[in-house]
Amino acid sequence: MNFGNLGFTEILMIVVVVLLLFGAKRLPEIGSSFGRGIREFKKSLTDVNEEITKPARTERLSQPAANMETRAEEEARPEPKRLLN
């Protein structure tokens, strides 16, 4: 088990210091909140990615529908009365 340049002894020392600082009771709370934070971060990245790709697709799809709506409004609108001939 080797994380970058950290060996087993260095990782063990870090774990001991963390246990001394926070205590055994608080470690599960810290771990769960850290996991929740990572999940929310991943979810926000996914949402941002979807928002970036989604408008390009919906814009292309919504343009013909918008054109049809304006045509229907123009056809349904009566011709204005003329005041002067």
PDB file of N, CA and C in Angstrom:
ATOM      1  N   MET A   1       0.860  -1.173   0.000  1.00  0.00           N
ATOM      2  CA  MET A   1       0.000   0.000   0.000  1.00  0.00           C
ATOM      3  C   MET A   1       0.901   1.230   0.000  1.00  0.00           C
ATOM      4  N   ASN A   2       0.895   1.943  -1.111  1.00  0.00           N
ATOM      5  CA  ASN A   2       1.749   3.106  -1.235  1.00  0.00           C
ATOM      6  C   ASN A   2       0.982   4.211  -1.957  1.00  0.00           C
ATOM      7  N   PHE A   3       0.678   5.296  -1.261  1.00  0.00           N
ATOM      8  CA  PHE A   3      -0.033   6.439  -1.821  1.00  0.00           C
ATOM      9  C   PHE A   3       0.965   7.523  -2.177  1.00  0.00           C
ATOM     10  N   GLY A   4       1.342   7.581  -3.441  1.00  0.00           N
ATOM     11  CA  GLY A   4       2.320   8.568  -3.867  1.00  0.00           C
ATOM     12  C   GLY A   4       3.655   8.293  -3.209  1.00  0.00           C
ATOM     13  N   ASN A   5       4.140   9.240  -2.442  1.00  0.00           N
ATOM     14  CA  ASN A   5       5.408   9.081  -1.734  1.00  0.00           C
ATOM     15  C   ASN A   5       5.209   8.686  -0.280  1.00  0.00           C
ATOM     16  N   LEU A   6       3.953   8.465   0.136  1.00  0.00           N
ATOM     17  CA  LEU A   6       3.683   8.088   1.519  1.00  0.00           C
ATOM     18  C   LEU A   6       3.792   6.582   1.677  1.00  0.00           C
ATOM     19  N   GLY A   7       4.503   6.174   2.670  1.00  0.00           N
ATOM     20  CA  GLY A   7       4.617   4.756   2.982  1.00  0.00           C
ATOM     21  C   GLY A   7       3.644   4.374   4.080  1.00  0.00           C
ATOM     22  N   PHE A   8       3.707   3.132   4.518  1.00  0.00           N
ATOM     23  CA  PHE A   8       2.806   2.643   5.557  1.00  0.00           C
ATOM     24  C   PHE A   8       3.006   3.399   6.870  1.00  0.00           C
ATOM     25  N   THR A   9       4.249   3.682   7.232  1.00  0.00           N
ATOM     26  CA  THR A   9       4.535   4.363   8.496  1.00  0.00           C
ATOM     27  C   THR A   9       3.946   5.771   8.508  1.00  0.00           C
ATOM     28  N   GLU A  10       4.077   6.502   7.409  1.00  0.00           N
ATOM     29  CA  GLU A  10       3.548   7.862   7.357  1.00  0.00           C
ATOM     30  C   GLU A  10       2.023   7.866   7.437  1.00  0.00           C
ATOM     31  N   ILE A  11       1.391   6.923   6.738  1.00  0.00           N
ATOM     32  CA  ILE A  11      -0.073   6.833   6.780  1.00  0.00           C
ATOM     33  C   ILE A  11      -0.535   6.475   8.185  1.00  0.00           C
ATOM     34  N   LEU A  12       0.149   5.557   8.842  1.00  0.00           N
ATOM     35  CA  LEU A  12      -0.184   5.178  10.212  1.00  0.00           C
ATOM     36  C   LEU A  12      -0.067   6.369  11.148  1.00  0.00           C
ATOM     37  N   MET A  13       0.969   7.182  10.978  1.00  0.00           N
ATOM     38  CA  MET A  13       1.147   8.376  11.828  1.00  0.00           C
ATOM     39  C   MET A  13       0.009   9.370  11.600  1.00  0.00           C
ATOM     40  N   ILE A  14      -0.405   9.545  10.358  1.00  0.00           N
ATOM     41  CA  ILE A  14      -1.514  10.461  10.059  1.00  0.00           C
ATOM     42  C   ILE A  14      -2.796   9.972  10.707  1.00  0.00           C
ATOM     43  N   VAL A  15      -3.060   8.677  10.634  1.00  0.00           N
ATOM     44  CA  VAL A  15      -4.266   8.105  11.250  1.00  0.00           C
ATOM     45  C   VAL A  15      -4.245   8.302  12.758  1.00  0.00           C
ATOM     46  N   VAL A  16      -3.103   8.099  13.395  1.00  0.00           N
ATOM     47  CA  VAL A  16      -2.990   8.278  14.847  1.00  0.00           C
ATOM     48  C   VAL A  16      -3.240   9.737  15.225  1.00  0.00           C
ATOM     49  N   VAL A  17      -2.684  10.665  14.475  1.00  0.00           N
ATOM     50  CA  VAL A  17      -2.880  12.093  14.764  1.00  0.00           C
ATOM     51  C   VAL A  17      -4.345  12.470  14.592  1.00  0.00           C
ATOM     52  N   VAL A  18      -4.990  11.970  13.547  1.00  0.00           N
ATOM     53  CA  VAL A  18      -6.407  12.260  13.328  1.00  0.00           C
ATOM     54  C   VAL A  18      -7.241  11.688  14.466  1.00  0.00           C
ATOM     55  N   LEU A  19      -6.933  10.475  14.908  1.00  0.00           N
ATOM     56  CA  LEU A  19      -7.660   9.887  16.039  1.00  0.00           C
ATOM     57  C   LEU A  19      -7.482  10.716  17.302  1.00  0.00           C
ATOM     58  N   LEU A  20      -6.270  11.203  17.558  1.00  0.00           N
ATOM     59  CA  LEU A  20      -6.023  12.016  18.741  1.00  0.00           C
ATOM     60  C   LEU A  20      -6.739  13.367  18.660  1.00  0.00           C
ATOM     61  N   LEU A  21      -6.777  13.955  17.481  1.00  0.00           N
ATOM     62  CA  LEU A  21      -7.413  15.262  17.337  1.00  0.00           C
ATOM     63  C   LEU A  21      -8.929  15.193  17.446  1.00  0.00           C
ATOM     64  N   PHE A  22      -9.553  14.249  16.757  1.00  0.00           N
ATOM     65  CA  PHE A  22     -11.007  14.223  16.674  1.00  0.00           C
ATOM     66  C   PHE A  22     -11.657  13.202  17.587  1.00  0.00           C
ATOM     67  N   GLY A  23     -10.975  12.157  17.962  1.00  0.00           N
ATOM     68  CA  GLY A  23     -11.559  11.123  18.803  1.00  0.00           C
ATOM     69  C   GLY A  23     -12.268  10.075  17.973  1.00  0.00           C
ATOM     70  N   ALA A  24     -12.422   8.905  18.556  1.00  0.00           N
ATOM     71  CA  ALA A  24     -13.006   7.769  17.838  1.00  0.00           C
ATOM     72  C   ALA A  24     -14.499   7.965  17.588  1.00  0.00           C
ATOM     73  N   LYS A  25     -15.179   8.718  18.439  1.00  0.00           N
ATOM     74  CA  LYS A  25     -16.620   8.912  18.273  1.00  0.00           C
ATOM     75  C   LYS A  25     -16.947   9.829  17.103  1.00  0.00           C
ATOM     76  N   ARG A  26     -16.102  10.808  16.843  1.00  0.00           N
ATOM     77  CA  ARG A  26     -16.384  11.790  15.789  1.00  0.00           C
ATOM     78  C   ARG A  26     -15.947  11.330  14.397  1.00  0.00           C
ATOM     79  N   LEU A  27     -15.077  10.340  14.284  1.00  0.00           N
ATOM     80  CA  LEU A  27     -14.585   9.899  12.977  1.00  0.00           C
ATOM     81  C   LEU A  27     -15.690   9.399  12.036  1.00  0.00           C
ATOM     82  N   PRO A  28     -16.658   8.601  12.517  1.00  0.00           N
ATOM     83  CA  PRO A  28     -17.742   8.199  11.595  1.00  0.00           C
ATOM     84  C   PRO A  28     -18.558   9.392  11.098  1.00  0.00           C
ATOM     85  N   GLU A  29     -18.789  10.382  11.960  1.00  0.00           N
ATOM     86  CA  GLU A  29     -19.523  11.577  11.537  1.00  0.00           C
ATOM     87  C   GLU A  29     -18.747  12.341  10.476  1.00  0.00           C
ATOM     88  N   ILE A  30     -17.456  12.479  10.695  1.00  0.00           N
ATOM     89  CA  ILE A  30     -16.612  13.192   9.729  1.00  0.00           C
ATOM     90  C   ILE A  30     -16.571  12.444   8.402  1.00  0.00           C
ATOM     91  N   GLY A  31     -16.445  11.118   8.476  1.00  0.00           N
ATOM     92  CA  GLY A  31     -16.417  10.311   7.253  1.00  0.00           C
ATOM     93  C   GLY A  31     -17.715  10.400   6.479  1.00  0.00           C
ATOM     94  N   SER A  32     -18.862  10.357   7.170  1.00  0.00           N
ATOM     95  CA  SER A  32     -20.149  10.420   6.473  1.00  0.00           C
ATOM     96  C   SER A  32     -20.372  11.807   5.868  1.00  0.00           C
ATOM     97  N   SER A  33     -19.979  12.854   6.586  1.00  0.00           N
ATOM     98  CA  SER A  33     -20.151  14.193   6.024  1.00  0.00           C
ATOM     99  C   SER A  33     -19.213  14.407   4.833  1.00  0.00           C
ATOM    100  N   PHE A  34     -18.024  13.836   4.899  1.00  0.00           N
ATOM    101  CA  PHE A  34     -17.083  13.912   3.780  1.00  0.00           C
ATOM    102  C   PHE A  34     -17.649  13.169   2.572  1.00  0.00           C
ATOM    103  N   GLY A  35     -18.221  11.993   2.796  1.00  0.00           N
ATOM    104  CA  GLY A  35     -18.840  11.224   1.712  1.00  0.00           C
ATOM    105  C   GLY A  35     -20.022  11.948   1.104  1.00  0.00           C
ATOM    106  N   ARG A  36     -20.862  12.586   1.956  1.00  0.00           N
ATOM    107  CA  ARG A  36     -21.992  13.364   1.465  1.00  0.00           C
ATOM    108  C   ARG A  36     -21.515  14.525   0.595  1.00  0.00           C
ATOM    109  N   GLY A  37     -20.447  15.173   1.039  1.00  0.00           N
ATOM    110  CA  GLY A  37     -19.892  16.285   0.270  1.00  0.00           C
ATOM    111  C   GLY A  37     -19.391  15.848  -1.090  1.00  0.00           C
ATOM    112  N   ILE A  38     -18.730  14.701  -1.139  1.00  0.00           N
ATOM    113  CA  ILE A  38     -18.235  14.185  -2.419  1.00  0.00           C
ATOM    114  C   ILE A  38     -19.406  13.831  -3.337  1.00  0.00           C
ATOM    115  N   ARG A  39     -20.466  13.215  -2.772  1.00  0.00           N
ATOM    116  CA  ARG A  39     -21.636  12.872  -3.583  1.00  0.00           C
ATOM    117  C   ARG A  39     -22.305  14.112  -4.158  1.00  0.00           C
ATOM    118  N   GLU A  40     -22.464  15.159  -3.325  1.00  0.00           N
ATOM    119  CA  GLU A  40     -23.083  16.395  -3.804  1.00  0.00           C
ATOM    120  C   GLU A  40     -22.226  17.055  -4.875  1.00  0.00           C
ATOM    121  N   PHE A  41     -20.915  16.997  -4.716  1.00  0.00           N
ATOM    122  CA  PHE A  41     -20.012  17.578  -5.698  1.00  0.00           C
ATOM    123  C   PHE A  41     -20.140  16.852  -7.038  1.00  0.00           C
ATOM    124  N   LYS A  42     -20.169  15.521  -6.996  1.00  0.00           N
ATOM    125  CA  LYS A  42     -20.320  14.747  -8.226  1.00  0.00           C
ATOM    126  C   LYS A  42     -21.669  15.025  -8.882  1.00  0.00           C
ATOM    127  N   LYS A  43     -22.724  15.148  -8.060  1.00  0.00           N
ATOM    128  CA  LYS A  43     -24.057  15.428  -8.589  1.00  0.00           C
ATOM    129  C   LYS A  43     -24.093  16.802  -9.246  1.00  0.00           C
ATOM    130  N   SER A  44     -23.464  17.786  -8.627  1.00  0.00           N
ATOM    131  CA  SER A  44     -23.453  19.120  -9.218  1.00  0.00           C
ATOM    132  C   SER A  44     -22.662  19.137 -10.521  1.00  0.00           C
ATOM    133  N   LEU A  45     -21.570  18.373 -10.597  1.00  0.00           N
ATOM    134  CA  LEU A  45     -20.822  18.280 -11.852  1.00  0.00           C
ATOM    135  C   LEU A  45     -21.683  17.653 -12.943  1.00  0.00           C
ATOM    136  N   THR A  46     -22.439  16.623 -12.592  1.00  0.00           N
ATOM    137  CA  THR A  46     -23.318  15.980 -13.561  1.00  0.00           C
ATOM    138  C   THR A  46     -24.410  16.940 -14.014  1.00  0.00           C
ATOM    139  N   ASP A  47     -24.988  17.688 -13.066  1.00  0.00           N
ATOM    140  CA  ASP A  47     -26.032  18.652 -13.412  1.00  0.00           C
ATOM    141  C   ASP A  47     -25.500  19.743 -14.336  1.00  0.00           C
ATOM    142  N   VAL A  48     -24.313  20.237 -14.036  1.00  0.00           N
ATOM    143  CA  VAL A  48     -23.718  21.280 -14.876  1.00  0.00           C
ATOM    144  C   VAL A  48     -23.451  20.731 -16.270  1.00  0.00           C
ATOM    145  N   ASN A  49     -22.945  19.519 -16.350  1.00  0.00           N
ATOM    146  CA  ASN A  49     -22.674  18.900 -17.646  1.00  0.00           C
ATOM    147  C   ASN A  49     -23.968  18.740 -18.443  1.00  0.00           C
ATOM    148  N   GLU A  50     -25.044  18.339 -17.782  1.00  0.00           N
ATOM    149  CA  GLU A  50     -26.331  18.195 -18.458  1.00  0.00           C
ATOM    150  C   GLU A  50     -26.859  19.545 -18.917  1.00  0.00           C
ATOM    151  N   GLU A  51     -26.696  20.581 -18.098  1.00  0.00           N
ATOM    152  CA  GLU A  51     -27.171  21.912 -18.464  1.00  0.00           C
ATOM    153  C   GLU A  51     -26.409  22.469 -19.656  1.00  0.00           C
ATOM    154  N   ILE A  52     -25.134  22.116 -19.760  1.00  0.00           N
ATOM    155  CA  ILE A  52     -24.336  22.603 -20.885  1.00  0.00           C
ATOM    156  C   ILE A  52     -24.781  21.928 -22.179  1.00  0.00           C
ATOM    157  N   THR A  53     -25.033  20.629 -22.120  1.00  0.00           N
ATOM    158  CA  THR A  53     -25.397  19.904 -23.334  1.00  0.00           C
ATOM    159  C   THR A  53     -26.885  19.999 -23.650  1.00  0.00           C
ATOM    160  N   LYS A  54     -27.736  20.196 -22.673  1.00  0.00           N
ATOM    161  CA  LYS A  54     -29.177  20.192 -22.867  1.00  0.00           C
ATOM    162  C   LYS A  54     -29.686  21.390 -23.668  1.00  0.00           C
ATOM    163  N   PRO A  55     -29.302  22.643 -23.394  1.00  0.00           N
ATOM    164  CA  PRO A  55     -29.874  23.767 -24.136  1.00  0.00           C
ATOM    165  C   PRO A  55     -29.630  23.701 -25.643  1.00  0.00           C
ATOM    166  N   ALA A  56     -28.509  23.180 -26.066  1.00  0.00           N
ATOM    167  CA  ALA A  56     -28.238  23.080 -27.495  1.00  0.00           C
ATOM    168  C   ALA A  56     -29.255  22.150 -28.151  1.00  0.00           C
ATOM    169  N   ARG A  57     -29.612  21.088 -27.493  1.00  0.00           N
ATOM    170  CA  ARG A  57     -30.596  20.156 -28.034  1.00  0.00           C
ATOM    171  C   ARG A  57     -31.998  20.757 -27.999  1.00  0.00           C
ATOM    172  N   THR A  58     -32.407  21.339 -26.870  1.00  0.00           N
ATOM    173  CA  THR A  58     -33.762  21.869 -26.752  1.00  0.00           C
ATOM    174  C   THR A  58     -33.943  23.101 -27.605  1.00  0.00           C
ATOM    175  N   GLU A  59     -32.886  23.869 -27.827  1.00  0.00           N
ATOM    176  CA  GLU A  59     -32.996  25.063 -28.658  1.00  0.00           C
ATOM    177  C   GLU A  59     -33.339  24.669 -30.093  1.00  0.00           C
ATOM    178  N   ARG A  60     -32.669  23.647 -30.595  1.00  0.00           N
ATOM    179  CA  ARG A  60     -32.951  23.187 -31.949  1.00  0.00           C
ATOM    180  C   ARG A  60     -34.367  22.628 -32.058  1.00  0.00           C
ATOM    181  N   LEU A  61     -34.817  21.947 -31.014  1.00  0.00           N
ATOM    182  CA  LEU A  61     -36.141  21.354 -31.049  1.00  0.00           C
ATOM    183  C   LEU A  61     -37.237  22.389 -30.849  1.00  0.00           C
ATOM    184  N   SER A  62     -36.987  23.414 -30.059  1.00  0.00           N
ATOM    185  CA  SER A  62     -38.030  24.380 -29.741  1.00  0.00           C
ATOM    186  C   SER A  62     -38.200  25.430 -30.821  1.00  0.00           C
ATOM    187  N   GLN A  63     -37.240  25.643 -31.700  1.00  0.00           N
ATOM    188  CA  GLN A  63     -37.373  26.661 -32.736  1.00  0.00           C
ATOM    189  C   GLN A  63     -38.526  26.374 -33.694  1.00  0.00           C
ATOM    190  N   PRO A  64     -38.683  25.174 -34.235  1.00  0.00           N
ATOM    191  CA  PRO A  64     -39.829  24.932 -35.121  1.00  0.00           C
ATOM    192  C   PRO A  64     -41.157  25.098 -34.394  1.00  0.00           C
ATOM    193  N   ALA A  65     -41.216  24.701 -33.141  1.00  0.00           N
ATOM    194  CA  ALA A  65     -42.452  24.850 -32.379  1.00  0.00           C
ATOM    195  C   ALA A  65     -42.770  26.326 -32.180  1.00  0.00           C
ATOM    196  N   ALA A  66     -41.770  27.134 -31.908  1.00  0.00           N
ATOM    197  CA  ALA A  66     -41.984  28.566 -31.731  1.00  0.00           C
ATOM    198  C   ALA A  66     -42.453  29.190 -33.033  1.00  0.00           C
ATOM    199  N   ASN A  67     -41.884  28.771 -34.166  1.00  0.00           N
ATOM    200  CA  ASN A  67     -42.309  29.288 -35.465  1.00  0.00           C
ATOM    201  C   ASN A  67     -43.752  28.913 -35.753  1.00  0.00           C
ATOM    202  N   MET A  68     -44.161  27.722 -35.384  1.00  0.00           N
ATOM    203  CA  MET A  68     -45.536  27.284 -35.606  1.00  0.00           C
ATOM    204  C   MET A  68     -46.501  28.096 -34.764  1.00  0.00           C
ATOM    205  N   GLU A  69     -46.106  28.421 -33.516  1.00  0.00           N
ATOM    206  CA  GLU A  69     -46.971  29.210 -32.649  1.00  0.00           C
ATOM    207  C   GLU A  69     -47.169  30.606 -33.213  1.00  0.00           C
ATOM    208  N   THR A  70     -46.095  31.237 -33.694  1.00  0.00           N
ATOM    209  CA  THR A  70     -46.231  32.583 -34.239  1.00  0.00           C
ATOM    210  C   THR A  70     -47.060  32.565 -35.516  1.00  0.00           C
ATOM    211  N   ARG A  71     -46.928  31.524 -36.337  1.00  0.00           N
ATOM    212  CA  ARG A  71     -47.744  31.421 -37.546  1.00  0.00           C
ATOM    213  C   ARG A  71     -49.217  31.280 -37.187  1.00  0.00           C
ATOM    214  N   ALA A  72     -49.512  30.471 -36.180  1.00  0.00           N
ATOM    215  CA  ALA A  72     -50.899  30.272 -35.765  1.00  0.00           C
ATOM    216  C   ALA A  72     -51.480  31.568 -35.223  1.00  0.00           C
ATOM    217  N   GLU A  73     -50.684  32.328 -34.484  1.00  0.00           N
ATOM    218  CA  GLU A  73     -51.162  33.607 -33.956  1.00  0.00           C
ATOM    219  C   GLU A  73     -51.425  34.589 -35.091  1.00  0.00           C
ATOM    220  N   GLU A  74     -50.545  34.607 -36.084  1.00  0.00           N
ATOM    221  CA  GLU A  74     -50.728  35.519 -37.212  1.00  0.00           C
ATOM    222  C   GLU A  74     -51.971  35.160 -38.013  1.00  0.00           C
ATOM    223  N   GLU A  75     -52.223  33.875 -38.192  1.00  0.00           N
ATOM    224  CA  GLU A  75     -53.386  33.442 -38.950  1.00  0.00           C
ATOM    225  C   GLU A  75     -54.675  33.706 -38.187  1.00  0.00           C
ATOM    226  N   ALA A  76     -54.677  33.584 -36.900  1.00  0.00           N
ATOM    227  CA  ALA A  76     -55.876  33.767 -36.099  1.00  0.00           C
ATOM    228  C   ALA A  76     -56.188  35.246 -35.876  1.00  0.00           C
ATOM    229  N   ARG A  77     -55.210  36.110 -36.024  1.00  0.00           N
ATOM    230  CA  ARG A  77     -55.403  37.533 -35.792  1.00  0.00           C
ATOM    231  C   ARG A  77     -56.184  38.136 -36.960  1.00  0.00           C
ATOM    232  N   PRO A  78     -57.310  38.844 -36.674  1.00  0.00           N
ATOM    233  CA  PRO A  78     -58.086  39.443 -37.773  1.00  0.00           C
ATOM    234  C   PRO A  78     -57.346  40.650 -38.351  1.00  0.00           C
ATOM    235  N   GLU A  79     -57.690  40.987 -39.568  1.00  0.00           N
ATOM    236  CA  GLU A  79     -57.081  42.123 -40.225  1.00  0.00           C
ATOM    237  C   GLU A  79     -57.579  43.401 -39.570  1.00  0.00           C
ATOM    238  N   PRO A  80     -56.717  44.355 -39.306  1.00  0.00           N
ATOM    239  CA  PRO A  80     -57.151  45.577 -38.646  1.00  0.00           C
ATOM    240  C   PRO A  80     -58.054  46.419 -39.567  1.00  0.00           C
ATOM    241  N   LYS A  81     -58.953  47.164 -38.928  1.00  0.00           N
ATOM    242  CA  LYS A  81     -59.862  48.034 -39.696  1.00  0.00           C
ATOM    243  C   LYS A  81     -59.079  49.224 -40.215  1.00  0.00           C
ATOM    244  N   ARG A  82     -59.413  49.634 -41.409  1.00  0.00           N
ATOM    245  CA  ARG A  82     -58.732  50.789 -41.996  1.00  0.00           C
ATOM    246  C   ARG A  82     -59.565  52.030 -41.730  1.00  0.00           C
ATOM    247  N   LEU A  83     -58.907  53.061 -41.265  1.00  0.00           N
ATOM    248  CA  LEU A  83     -59.619  54.311 -40.982  1.00  0.00           C
ATOM    249  C   LEU A  83     -59.720  55.199 -42.218  1.00  0.00           C
ATOM    250  N   LEU A  84     -58.688  55.210 -43.022  1.00  0.00           N
ATOM    251  CA  LEU A  84     -58.682  56.034 -44.219  1.00  0.00           C
ATOM    252  C   LEU A  84     -58.566  55.139 -45.446  1.00  0.00           C
ATOM    253  N   ASN A  85     -59.323  55.474 -46.477  1.00  0.00           N
ATOM    254  CA  ASN A  85     -59.227  54.711 -47.724  1.00  0.00           C
ATOM    255  C   ASN A  85     -58.402  55.427 -48.724  1.00  0.00           C
TER     256      ASN A  85
END
